[in-house]
Amino acid sequence: MLVLSRKNQESVMVGGCDGFEHMLKVTVLEIGGGKVRLGFEADAAVPSHRSEVWERILASGKQENPRDGPAAPIRRSD
């Protein structure tokens, strides 16, 4: 596991070097009250799930078609 420290409004890029396109950008949006709000930016074709949803998908043996997008929409909370 890679562990990084980031301050508010700082980001981490996944992919994007040595010929790879950037696949994911994770930005710390807010820190407070014992919680951290993270923002994730990825191509719409990249499935995105909370870990507990991903576990259920794996357990059910279903694979989603990346062209169909995420199985459950990601909700924004502003």
C-alpha atoms as a PDB file:
ATOM      1  CA  MET A   1       0.000   0.000   0.000  1.00  0.00           C
ATOM      2  CA  LEU A   2       1.270   3.423  -0.940  1.00  0.00           C
ATOM      3  CA  VAL A   3       0.679   5.989   1.820  1.00  0.00           C
ATOM      4  CA  LEU A   4       0.973   9.683   0.999  1.00  0.00           C
ATOM      5  CA  SER A   5       0.340  12.844   2.972  1.00  0.00           C
ATOM      6  CA  ARG A   6      -1.560  15.596   1.165  1.00  0.00           C
ATOM      7  CA  LYS A   7      -2.807  18.958   2.348  1.00  0.00           C
ATOM      8  CA  ASN A   8      -6.129  20.568   1.471  1.00  0.00           C
ATOM      9  CA  GLN A   9      -6.468  21.123  -2.323  1.00  0.00           C
ATOM     10  CA  GLU A  10      -3.397  18.952  -3.094  1.00  0.00           C
ATOM     11  CA  SER A  11      -3.732  16.021  -5.510  1.00  0.00           C
ATOM     12  CA  VAL A  12      -2.288  12.647  -6.410  1.00  0.00           C
ATOM     13  CA  MET A  13      -2.122  11.447 -10.026  1.00  0.00           C
ATOM     14  CA  VAL A  14      -2.365   7.732 -10.841  1.00  0.00           C
ATOM     15  CA  GLY A  15      -0.751   6.796 -14.145  1.00  0.00           C
ATOM     16  CA  GLY A  16       0.454   9.529 -16.487  1.00  0.00           C
ATOM     17  CA  CYS A  17       4.172   8.818 -16.782  1.00  0.00           C
ATOM     18  CA  ASP A  18       6.440   6.731 -19.010  1.00  0.00           C
ATOM     19  CA  GLY A  19       3.924   6.644 -21.843  1.00  0.00           C
ATOM     20  CA  PHE A  20       0.816   6.100 -19.685  1.00  0.00           C
ATOM     21  CA  GLU A  21      -2.071   8.514 -19.782  1.00  0.00           C
ATOM     22  CA  HIS A  22      -3.243   9.796 -16.416  1.00  0.00           C
ATOM     23  CA  MET A  23      -5.973   7.429 -15.253  1.00  0.00           C
ATOM     24  CA  LEU A  24      -7.093   9.014 -12.011  1.00  0.00           C
ATOM     25  CA  LYS A  25      -6.669  12.275 -10.139  1.00  0.00           C
ATOM     26  CA  VAL A  26      -7.499  12.304  -6.425  1.00  0.00           C
ATOM     27  CA  THR A  27      -7.773  15.700  -4.713  1.00  0.00           C
ATOM     28  CA  VAL A  28      -8.221  16.466  -1.015  1.00  0.00           C
ATOM     29  CA  LEU A  29     -11.250  18.771  -0.989  1.00  0.00           C
ATOM     30  CA  GLU A  30     -11.792  19.283   2.725  1.00  0.00           C
ATOM     31  CA  ILE A  31     -10.342  18.148   6.034  1.00  0.00           C
ATOM     32  CA  GLY A  32     -12.282  18.563   9.262  1.00  0.00           C
ATOM     33  CA  GLY A  33     -14.332  16.921  11.962  1.00  0.00           C
ATOM     34  CA  GLY A  34     -12.383  13.674  11.725  1.00  0.00           C
ATOM     35  CA  LYS A  35     -13.273  13.311   8.033  1.00  0.00           C
ATOM     36  CA  VAL A  36     -11.521  13.875   4.738  1.00  0.00           C
ATOM     37  CA  ARG A  37     -13.485  14.677   1.553  1.00  0.00           C
ATOM     38  CA  LEU A  38     -11.784  13.432  -1.589  1.00  0.00           C
ATOM     39  CA  GLY A  39     -12.558  14.299  -5.199  1.00  0.00           C
ATOM     40  CA  PHE A  40     -11.890  11.706  -7.931  1.00  0.00           C
ATOM     41  CA  GLU A  41     -11.441  12.619 -11.599  1.00  0.00           C
ATOM     42  CA  ALA A  42     -11.324   9.789 -14.127  1.00  0.00           C
ATOM     43  CA  ASP A  43     -12.503   9.109 -17.655  1.00  0.00           C
ATOM     44  CA  ALA A  44     -16.209   8.227 -17.762  1.00  0.00           C
ATOM     45  CA  ALA A  45     -15.290   4.777 -19.129  1.00  0.00           C
ATOM     46  CA  VAL A  46     -13.407   3.909 -15.918  1.00  0.00           C
ATOM     47  CA  PRO A  47     -15.763   2.148 -13.471  1.00  0.00           C
ATOM     48  CA  SER A  48     -15.762   3.728  -9.998  1.00  0.00           C
ATOM     49  CA  HIS A  49     -17.220   2.044  -6.920  1.00  0.00           C
ATOM     50  CA  ARG A  50     -16.982   2.276  -3.151  1.00  0.00           C
ATOM     51  CA  SER A  51     -15.100  -0.758  -1.838  1.00  0.00           C
ATOM     52  CA  GLU A  52     -18.222  -2.378  -0.349  1.00  0.00           C
ATOM     53  CA  VAL A  53     -20.024  -2.111  -3.711  1.00  0.00           C
ATOM     54  CA  TRP A  54     -16.980  -3.522  -5.515  1.00  0.00           C
ATOM     55  CA  GLU A  55     -16.961  -6.488  -3.099  1.00  0.00           C
ATOM     56  CA  ARG A  56     -20.648  -7.204  -3.883  1.00  0.00           C
ATOM     57  CA  ILE A  57     -19.966  -7.017  -7.630  1.00  0.00           C
ATOM     58  CA  LEU A  58     -17.082  -9.469  -7.294  1.00  0.00           C
ATOM     59  CA  ALA A  59     -19.116 -11.799  -5.071  1.00  0.00           C
ATOM     60  CA  SER A  60     -22.008 -11.850  -7.546  1.00  0.00           C
ATOM     61  CA  GLY A  61     -19.664 -12.816 -10.374  1.00  0.00           C
ATOM     62  CA  LYS A  62     -21.040 -10.058 -12.583  1.00  0.00           C
ATOM     63  CA  GLN A  63     -18.714  -7.974 -14.685  1.00  0.00           C
ATOM     64  CA  GLU A  64     -19.825  -4.629 -15.973  1.00  0.00           C
ATOM     65  CA  ASN A  65     -19.224  -3.407 -19.485  1.00  0.00           C
ATOM     66  CA  PRO A  66     -16.898  -0.358 -19.199  1.00  0.00           C
ATOM     67  CA  ARG A  67     -18.802   1.346 -22.018  1.00  0.00           C
ATOM     68  CA  ASP A  68     -21.931   1.296 -19.852  1.00  0.00           C
ATOM     69  CA  GLY A  69     -20.213   3.341 -17.112  1.00  0.00           C
ATOM     70  CA  PRO A  70     -20.423   2.700 -13.364  1.00  0.00           C
ATOM     71  CA  ALA A  71     -23.052   0.283 -12.038  1.00  0.00           C
ATOM     72  CA  ALA A  72     -24.156   2.908  -9.525  1.00  0.00           C
ATOM     73  CA  PRO A  73     -23.811   6.618 -10.326  1.00  0.00           C
ATOM     74  CA  ILE A  74     -21.393   8.594  -8.224  1.00  0.00           C
ATOM     75  CA  ARG A  75     -23.320  11.221  -6.318  1.00  0.00           C
ATOM     76  CA  ARG A  76     -21.906  14.659  -5.732  1.00  0.00           C
ATOM     77  CA  SER A  77     -22.381  16.293  -2.367  1.00  0.00           C
ATOM     78  CA  ASP A  78     -21.555  19.991  -2.441  1.00  0.00           C
END
